[in-house]
């Protein structure tokens, strides 16, 4: 499955809570950080489990941010190897 297809599949599940190229500065307490390849914000344990399963099935790495407190993200953001 291509990166765009996986992103589309997750968007169908989570709607606007899937954001390609989202600047991480918007999500860290220090307001710094470049873009994530795709930011996914599941609201429930079931949604999180579905995201983890989809990523694992397609060999996509995940980085869990939590609340973004005390997190430093470089200007180049967080990369995912598709």
Protein backbone atom coordinates (compact mmCIF):
# COMPACT_ATOMS: atom_id res chain seq x y z
CA UNK A 1 0.00 0.00 0.00
CA UNK A 2 1.36 3.42 -0.91
CA UNK A 3 1.81 6.15 1.71
CA UNK A 4 -1.10 8.12 0.29
CA UNK A 5 -3.37 5.10 0.49
CA UNK A 6 -2.48 4.45 4.12
CA UNK A 7 -3.07 8.12 4.95
CA UNK A 8 -6.43 8.00 3.15
CA UNK A 9 -7.40 4.84 5.04
CA UNK A 10 -6.56 6.48 8.38
CA UNK A 11 -8.42 9.65 7.35
CA UNK A 12 -11.51 7.55 6.61
CA UNK A 13 -11.27 6.20 10.16
CA UNK A 14 -10.36 9.43 11.98
CA UNK A 15 -11.47 12.23 9.67
CA UNK A 16 -9.77 15.56 10.31
CA UNK A 17 -7.59 14.05 13.02
CA UNK A 18 -5.17 12.86 10.32
CA UNK A 19 -2.98 15.75 9.21
CA UNK A 20 -0.21 15.26 6.64
CA UNK A 21 2.64 17.76 7.04
CA UNK A 22 1.30 19.13 10.33
CA UNK A 23 3.79 21.51 12.04
CA UNK A 24 4.63 19.95 15.39
CA UNK A 25 5.25 23.39 16.90
CA UNK A 26 1.45 23.54 17.26
CA UNK A 27 1.56 20.47 19.51
CA UNK A 28 4.54 21.01 21.84
CA UNK A 29 4.69 23.07 25.00
CA UNK A 30 7.81 24.91 23.80
CA UNK A 31 6.15 25.69 20.42
CA UNK A 32 9.06 24.47 18.32
CA UNK A 33 9.28 21.73 15.72
CA UNK A 34 8.98 21.07 12.04
CA UNK A 35 6.37 18.94 10.30
CA UNK A 36 5.35 15.37 10.94
CA UNK A 37 4.96 13.28 7.81
CA UNK A 38 1.47 12.55 9.13
CA UNK A 39 0.06 13.53 12.52
CA UNK A 40 -2.66 11.15 13.71
CA UNK A 41 -4.74 11.96 16.79
CA UNK A 42 -6.86 9.01 17.90
CA UNK A 43 -9.38 9.74 20.66
CA UNK A 44 -10.08 6.25 21.99
CA UNK A 45 -8.02 3.17 22.81
CA UNK A 46 -9.78 1.40 19.95
CA UNK A 47 -8.77 4.09 17.45
CA UNK A 48 -5.19 3.98 18.74
CA UNK A 49 -5.14 0.20 18.35
CA UNK A 50 -6.42 0.51 14.77
CA UNK A 51 -3.68 3.05 13.93
CA UNK A 52 -0.98 0.84 15.47
CA UNK A 53 -2.25 -2.22 13.57
CA UNK A 54 -2.37 -0.31 10.27
CA UNK A 55 1.15 1.07 10.76
CA UNK A 56 2.54 -2.34 11.70
CA UNK A 57 0.85 -4.02 8.76
CA UNK A 58 2.54 -1.54 6.40
CA UNK A 59 5.93 -1.34 8.14
CA UNK A 60 5.45 2.31 9.05
CA UNK A 61 7.26 3.61 12.13
CA UNK A 62 5.30 5.44 14.81
CA UNK A 63 6.43 8.13 17.20
CA UNK A 64 4.11 8.68 20.16
CA UNK A 65 4.13 12.28 21.35
CA UNK A 66 1.76 12.19 24.31
CA UNK A 67 0.85 15.70 25.40
CA UNK A 68 3.91 17.32 23.83
CA UNK A 69 5.28 18.61 27.13
CA UNK A 70 9.04 19.02 27.38
CA UNK A 71 9.45 17.68 23.87
CA UNK A 72 12.03 19.08 21.46
CA UNK A 73 11.37 18.48 17.76
CA UNK A 74 13.90 19.65 15.19
CA UNK A 75 13.05 21.98 12.32
CA UNK A 76 13.07 19.00 9.96
CA UNK A 77 10.23 17.42 11.95
CA UNK A 78 9.67 13.73 12.48
CA UNK A 79 10.20 11.47 9.48
CA UNK A 80 8.43 8.22 8.70
CA UNK A 81 10.03 5.84 6.24
CA UNK A 82 7.28 4.65 3.89
